[in-house]
Protein backbone atom coordinates (compact mmCIF):
# COMPACT_ATOMS: atom_id res chain seq x y z
CA MET A 1 12.29 -36.89 31.88
CA ARG A 2 10.87 -38.96 28.81
CA PHE A 3 8.52 -36.16 28.32
CA ALA A 4 11.13 -33.49 28.35
CA ILE A 5 12.92 -35.83 25.99
CA VAL A 6 10.15 -36.42 23.20
CA ILE A 7 10.11 -32.87 23.12
CA CYS A 8 13.48 -32.21 22.28
CA LEU A 9 13.56 -35.42 19.18
CA LEU A 10 10.46 -33.60 17.81
CA ALA A 11 12.15 -30.25 17.58
CA ILE A 12 15.25 -31.80 16.30
CA ARG A 13 12.64 -33.39 13.99
CA VAL A 14 10.62 -30.31 12.63
CA LEU A 15 14.36 -28.24 12.16
CA ALA A 16 15.70 -31.25 10.01
CA GLN A 17 12.98 -30.59 7.72
CA THR A 18 13.07 -27.13 7.38
CA GLY A 19 15.64 -24.45 5.82
CA THR A 20 16.55 -20.93 5.50
CA LEU A 21 16.81 -17.97 3.70
CA SER A 22 19.45 -15.48 3.60
CA GLY A 23 21.37 -12.54 2.42
CA THR A 24 21.62 -8.89 1.71
CA VAL A 25 19.21 -6.44 0.68
CA THR A 26 21.22 -3.33 -1.88
CA ASP A 27 20.27 -0.70 -3.60
CA PRO A 28 22.32 -0.15 -7.10
CA ASP A 29 24.91 1.61 -5.75
CA GLY A 30 25.63 -1.67 -3.55
CA GLN A 31 24.54 0.45 -0.14
CA GLY A 32 22.81 -1.75 2.29
CA VAL A 33 18.76 -1.23 2.42
CA SER A 34 17.92 -1.50 6.31
CA THR A 35 14.50 -2.25 7.03
CA ALA A 36 13.17 -3.31 3.62
CA PRO A 37 10.34 -5.83 3.75
CA ILE A 38 11.08 -9.58 2.45
CA GLN A 39 8.40 -12.12 1.91
CA ALA A 40 8.97 -15.57 0.91
CA THR A 41 5.81 -17.83 -0.02
CA ASN A 42 5.39 -21.27 -0.72
CA VAL A 43 4.49 -21.83 -3.83
CA ALA A 44 2.27 -25.44 -1.98
CA THR A 45 0.77 -23.88 0.40
CA GLY A 46 0.64 -19.84 -0.22
CA THR A 47 1.77 -19.70 3.41
CA VAL A 48 4.16 -16.66 3.63
CA TYR A 49 7.14 -15.84 5.62
CA LYS A 50 8.22 -12.17 6.52
CA ALA A 51 11.49 -10.85 7.93
CA VAL A 52 13.01 -7.23 7.96
CA ALA A 53 16.49 -6.46 6.51
CA VAL A 54 18.88 -4.98 9.28
CA ALA A 55 21.64 -3.34 9.20
CA LYS A 56 23.72 -3.42 6.56
CA GLY A 57 20.55 -4.62 4.41
CA SER A 58 21.58 -8.42 6.05
CA TYR A 59 18.17 -10.33 6.22
CA THR A 60 17.30 -14.32 7.40
CA LEU A 61 14.14 -16.33 7.09
CA SER A 62 14.75 -19.25 9.11
CA LYS A 63 12.25 -22.37 10.18
CA LEU A 64 11.38 -22.58 6.31
CA PRO A 65 9.63 -26.00 5.23
CA ALA A 66 11.55 -27.10 2.56
CA GLY A 67 9.93 -26.52 -0.80
CA MET A 68 10.03 -23.77 -3.59
CA TYR A 69 9.48 -19.83 -2.86
CA ASP A 70 8.93 -17.19 -4.48
CA VAL A 71 10.95 -13.77 -2.88
CA THR A 72 9.08 -10.56 -2.44
CA VAL A 73 10.41 -7.59 -1.86
CA PRO A 74 7.08 -4.33 -2.04
CA PRO A 75 7.40 -0.73 -3.04
CA ILE A 76 9.30 1.10 -0.99
CA GLY A 77 7.98 4.52 -1.31
CA PHE A 78 9.14 6.38 -4.80
CA THR A 79 12.48 5.13 -4.78
CA PHE A 80 12.46 1.29 -5.16
CA PRO A 81 9.73 -0.68 -7.19
CA LYS A 82 9.07 -4.12 -6.42
CA TYR A 83 10.97 -7.02 -6.47
CA GLU A 84 10.17 -10.36 -7.39
CA LYS A 85 12.10 -13.87 -7.53
CA LYS A 86 10.21 -17.04 -8.81
CA GLY A 87 11.34 -20.36 -7.55
CA VAL A 88 13.47 -20.32 -5.12
CA ALA A 89 14.65 -23.41 -3.51
CA ILE A 90 14.82 -24.48 0.15
CA GLN A 91 16.07 -27.80 1.05
CA ALA A 92 15.81 -29.17 4.09
CA GLY A 93 18.70 -28.68 6.86
CA GLN A 94 20.50 -26.07 4.44
CA THR A 95 20.78 -22.29 4.23
CA ALA A 96 20.20 -20.72 0.97
CA ARG A 97 21.75 -17.40 -0.27
CA LEU A 98 19.72 -14.70 -1.89
CA ASP A 99 21.11 -11.51 -2.61
CA ILE A 100 18.59 -9.14 -3.60
CA ARG A 101 19.31 -5.64 -5.66
CA LEU A 102 16.87 -2.98 -5.88
CA THR A 103 16.29 -0.75 -8.68
CA PHE A 104 15.40 2.82 -8.46
CA GLY A 105 11.91 3.95 -9.12
CA GLY A 106 10.39 6.86 -10.40
CA ASN A 107 13.04 9.63 -8.02
CA LEU A 108 15.88 7.92 -9.69
CA GLY A 109 17.42 7.32 -5.90
CA THR A 110 18.15 11.45 -5.19
CA PRO A 111 18.58 11.78 -1.68
CA GLY A 112 15.85 13.41 0.48
CA ASP A 113 13.58 13.05 -2.76
CA ASP A 114 11.26 10.58 -1.08
CA PHE A 115 9.42 12.14 2.09
CA SER A 116 7.61 8.62 2.82
CA LEU A 117 11.10 6.53 3.16
CA LEU A 118 12.83 9.20 5.05
CA ILE A 119 10.08 8.62 7.24
CA ARG A 120 10.42 5.82 8.02
CA GLN A 121 13.81 5.77 8.30
CA LYS A 122 13.39 8.37 11.30
CA SER A 123 10.36 5.94 12.79
CA LYS A 124 11.62 2.36 12.91
CA SER A 125 7.90 0.63 14.46
CA SER A 126 4.92 3.10 14.80
CA PRO A 127 3.62 3.51 18.42
CA SER A 128 2.08 0.96 20.40
CA GLY A 129 -1.46 0.81 22.45
CA PRO A 130 -4.59 1.20 21.94
CA ALA A 131 -7.04 2.69 19.59
CA PRO A 132 -8.58 6.10 21.09
CA ARG A 133 -12.22 7.53 21.12
CA GLY A 134 -13.97 10.81 20.72
CA ARG A 135 -16.31 12.18 23.23
CA ASP A 136 -18.99 10.31 21.11
CA GLY A 137 -17.89 6.85 21.58
CA LYS A 138 -16.89 6.76 18.15
CA LEU A 139 -12.92 5.44 17.18
CA ASP A 140 -10.69 8.68 16.56
CA LEU A 141 -8.81 8.30 13.78
CA SER A 142 -7.40 11.80 13.74
CA GLY A 143 -3.52 11.49 12.96
CA VAL A 144 -1.00 12.13 10.12
CA TRP A 145 -0.17 8.71 8.79
CA ILE A 146 2.20 7.04 6.09
CA GLY A 147 0.81 5.00 3.40
CA ASN A 148 2.08 1.72 2.63
CA PRO A 149 1.92 -0.16 -0.53
CA ALA A 150 -1.11 -1.53 -1.40
CA ASP A 151 -2.62 -5.01 -1.73
CA ALA A 152 -4.52 -5.36 -4.73
CA ASP A 153 -6.83 -8.02 -6.47
CA ASN A 154 -6.92 -8.68 -10.03
CA PRO A 155 -9.70 -6.86 -11.65
CA GLU A 156 -11.35 -8.68 -14.47
CA MET A 157 -12.06 -5.92 -17.05
CA LEU A 158 -14.63 -5.90 -19.70
CA PRO A 159 -12.59 -5.90 -23.75
CA TRP A 160 -12.20 -2.44 -23.85
CA ALA A 161 -11.08 -1.44 -20.31
CA GLU A 162 -8.64 -4.21 -20.95
CA GLU A 163 -6.84 -2.66 -23.90
CA VAL A 164 -7.12 0.36 -22.40
CA THR A 165 -4.90 -1.01 -19.92
CA LYS A 166 -2.71 -3.09 -22.15
CA GLN A 167 -1.87 0.09 -23.81
CA ARG A 168 -1.30 2.26 -20.82
CA ARG A 169 1.48 -0.63 -19.27
CA ALA A 170 3.11 -0.45 -23.06
CA ARG A 171 4.02 2.96 -22.40
CA GLY A 172 5.10 1.90 -18.94
CA GLY A 173 2.26 4.62 -16.76
CA ALA A 174 2.95 7.47 -19.35
CA GLY A 175 -0.17 9.56 -19.79
CA ASN A 176 -1.29 9.44 -16.05
CA PRO A 177 -3.04 12.83 -14.50
CA GLY A 178 -0.58 13.47 -12.12
CA GLU A 179 1.94 13.63 -14.90
CA SER A 180 0.26 17.14 -15.97
CA CYS A 181 -0.81 18.63 -12.25
CA LEU A 182 -4.33 16.65 -11.95
CA PRO A 183 -5.29 14.18 -9.62
CA GLY A 184 -2.98 10.77 -10.03
CA ASP A 185 -4.75 8.85 -7.01
CA ASN A 186 -8.34 8.97 -6.19
CA LEU A 187 -8.12 6.15 -3.36
CA LEU A 188 -5.69 7.22 -1.74
CA ILE A 189 -3.64 4.00 -1.57
CA SER A 190 -0.09 6.07 -2.55
CA PRO A 191 3.11 6.22 -0.29
CA PHE A 192 2.12 9.64 0.93
CA ILE A 193 1.37 11.21 4.45
CA TYR A 194 -2.31 12.14 5.20
CA LYS A 195 -4.05 13.92 7.88
CA ILE A 196 -7.09 13.01 9.19
CA ILE A 197 -9.09 16.01 11.47
CA GLN A 198 -12.73 14.44 12.71
CA THR A 199 -15.64 15.71 14.04
CA PRO A 200 -19.17 14.32 14.81
CA THR A 201 -19.99 15.59 11.80
CA VAL A 202 -17.27 15.79 8.66
CA ILE A 203 -13.74 14.02 8.46
CA ALA A 204 -11.31 15.20 6.42
CA ILE A 205 -8.24 14.36 4.89
CA LEU A 206 -5.56 16.08 3.88
CA TRP A 207 -2.42 14.31 1.96
CA GLU A 208 0.98 15.62 0.43
CA GLY A 209 2.23 14.76 -2.46
CA ASN A 210 -1.10 15.35 -5.18
CA VAL A 211 -3.47 17.52 -6.05
CA PRO A 212 -6.49 18.34 -4.86
CA GLY A 213 -4.61 17.82 -1.66
CA ILE A 214 -8.17 17.07 0.40
CA VAL A 215 -11.24 15.63 0.61
CA GLN A 216 -14.30 15.65 2.57
CA ILE A 217 -16.18 12.57 4.30
CA PHE A 218 -19.25 13.36 5.50
CA LEU A 219 -20.74 12.13 9.07
CA ASP A 220 -24.08 14.33 9.17
CA GLY A 221 -26.91 11.41 7.49
CA ARG A 222 -27.11 13.64 4.11
CA ALA A 223 -27.68 11.28 0.49
CA HIS A 224 -25.23 12.21 -2.07
CA PRO A 225 -26.91 14.82 -4.26
CA LYS A 226 -29.32 13.47 -7.29
CA ASN A 227 -27.72 15.71 -9.22
CA LEU A 228 -23.90 15.63 -9.60
CA ASP A 229 -21.30 17.24 -11.38
CA PRO A 230 -19.02 14.54 -11.82
CA SER A 231 -15.48 15.21 -10.07
CA TRP A 232 -12.36 13.55 -9.55
CA MET A 233 -12.70 12.88 -6.07
CA GLY A 234 -16.27 12.44 -6.08
CA HIS A 235 -18.78 13.23 -3.43
CA SER A 236 -18.57 10.54 -0.25
CA VAL A 237 -20.84 9.80 2.94
CA GLY A 238 -19.80 8.24 5.99
CA ARG A 239 -21.66 5.96 8.39
CA TRP A 240 -20.36 3.51 11.44
CA GLU A 241 -20.96 0.67 11.62
CA GLY A 242 -19.54 -0.20 14.90
CA ASP A 243 -15.77 0.23 15.14
CA THR A 244 -15.63 0.72 11.58
CA LEU A 245 -16.11 3.83 9.32
CA VAL A 246 -18.21 3.26 5.82
CA VAL A 247 -17.60 5.61 3.50
CA ASP A 248 -19.71 5.55 0.12
CA THR A 249 -18.83 7.44 -2.82
CA VAL A 250 -19.65 7.65 -6.15
CA GLY A 251 -19.84 11.08 -8.76
CA PHE A 252 -16.42 10.33 -10.54
CA ASN A 253 -15.93 11.74 -13.85
CA ASP A 254 -13.94 9.24 -16.35
CA ARG A 255 -10.40 10.89 -16.46
CA SER A 256 -9.15 9.76 -13.81
CA TRP A 257 -6.82 6.15 -13.48
CA LEU A 258 -7.75 3.67 -10.90
CA ARG A 259 -3.28 2.84 -10.91
CA VAL A 260 -3.34 1.75 -14.37
CA PHE A 261 -7.56 0.71 -15.05
CA PRO A 262 -9.76 2.94 -16.59
CA HIS A 263 -13.14 3.56 -15.39
CA THR A 264 -16.29 5.06 -16.45
CA GLU A 265 -18.81 7.91 -14.95
CA MET A 266 -21.03 4.62 -13.29
CA LEU A 267 -17.68 4.15 -10.86
CA HIS A 268 -18.67 3.31 -7.15
CA VAL A 269 -16.32 3.06 -4.12
CA ILE A 270 -16.45 1.61 -0.75
CA GLN A 271 -14.00 2.63 2.12
CA ARG A 272 -13.72 0.40 5.54
CA TYR A 273 -11.39 2.29 7.76
CA ARG A 274 -10.38 0.74 11.14
CA ARG A 275 -8.10 1.54 13.96
CA PRO A 276 -7.02 -1.51 15.23
CA ASP A 277 -4.79 -0.12 17.71
CA LEU A 278 -2.99 3.11 17.95
CA GLY A 279 -0.53 3.02 15.42
CA HIS A 280 -2.17 1.56 12.16
CA LEU A 281 -4.87 2.32 10.11
CA GLU A 282 -6.43 -0.11 7.94
CA LYS A 283 -8.34 0.60 4.68
CA GLU A 284 -10.10 -1.88 2.83
CA ILE A 285 -11.80 -0.22 -0.89
CA THR A 286 -14.29 -2.27 -2.74
CA ILE A 287 -14.41 -0.91 -6.37
CA GLU A 288 -17.46 -1.55 -8.83
CA ASP A 289 -17.76 -0.35 -12.37
CA PRO A 290 -20.40 -2.17 -14.65
CA GLY A 291 -18.62 -0.12 -17.20
CA ALA A 292 -15.48 -1.37 -16.92
CA PHE A 293 -15.33 -4.59 -15.11
CA ARG A 294 -16.96 -8.14 -14.61
CA LYS A 295 -17.06 -7.75 -10.87
CA PRO A 296 -16.40 -5.72 -7.96
CA TRP A 297 -12.70 -6.01 -6.82
CA LYS A 298 -10.43 -5.12 -3.42
CA ILE A 299 -7.76 -2.99 -2.28
CA ARG A 300 -6.06 -3.79 1.36
CA ASP A 301 -3.92 -0.96 2.47
CA VAL A 302 -2.51 0.02 6.28
CA TRP A 303 -1.30 2.98 7.11
CA ASP A 304 1.10 3.50 10.38
CA LEU A 305 0.77 6.44 12.47
CA ALA A 306 3.74 9.17 12.03
CA PRO A 307 4.14 11.07 15.39
CA GLY A 308 6.49 14.15 15.00
CA GLU A 309 5.02 14.69 11.08
CA GLU A 310 2.80 17.63 9.28
CA ILE A 311 1.23 18.13 6.23
CA ALA A 312 3.46 20.44 4.52
CA GLU A 313 2.39 22.82 1.20
CA TYR A 314 2.34 21.53 -1.67
CA ILE A 315 2.46 23.08 -4.90
CA CYS A 316 1.92 21.24 -8.88
CA ASN A 317 2.18 23.95 -11.47
CA GLU A 318 1.07 22.74 -15.07
CA ASN A 319 2.27 23.18 -18.49
CA GLU A 320 4.35 20.63 -17.82
CA LYS A 321 7.13 19.81 -20.88
CA ASP A 322 9.69 17.89 -19.88
CA VAL A 323 7.59 14.01 -19.36
CA VAL A 324 7.34 13.13 -23.26
CA HIS A 325 10.83 13.07 -23.21
CA LEU A 326 11.02 10.14 -20.85
CA LYS A 327 11.14 7.22 -22.65
């Protein structure tokens, strides 16, 4: 009996030292954004607390240790860019309110113009279960997947690359090759849908929403060609290290962008794919380019399985004339 009383007193004491953050997540029209992910990072400890908005966009983060928090909502497809509010105070035994009003992204909130958001609304959660394996015993990465916002390091750039990045950001990212129907994401970290087709000797990744729409990863033991012609997506060879697929890519041209960062033809990318369970695919990307960055840096991403979805035809024609007027 005494033990139970002590436990109850400890629980009350812990609750007395914590607070709650609640509010709503809405779009510019005031409509609730259900399933929006909210993250509160404790400034002192770095601990991240997470919640997901429910009906009409309401959310609650409880049992937050008293202190200051940075609150973020990661980008949601192409509809909503990242939201961030720094310095939100949480007091012990009290509820702080933060109503989050998101802004529209590149599609300006056009209904039905963000297939990644529509897919997430149809499937509230990824299927559970163990990751499948092929006849050779290797993990089977096959399936149709939907990308999530990537978590990237801040690269340490050489002066010339830092200046180019500064100029691109000042233009709001205008001039990205994707505006002219050229490859805009050679790292495959956009919120597109992707399809992986796996065989013992080659893996093909197809995607919808950007050109060229396909990349091959050779698993037959071949090396990179000695005289590679630089290309947008480079040349990829892979190998298995246990349950991790390691993909080595070289031979990039210097015209593509790494997000907003420039690079040279010395770019070397290592990707590690893991499938911890049926519904998720983890990607860790290591980027090194001594011509643009002081040291290697990483990007981390997770894809969710999208049952019932399929890759559709994607067409992008050149001779774009409107983008220069989008100031």
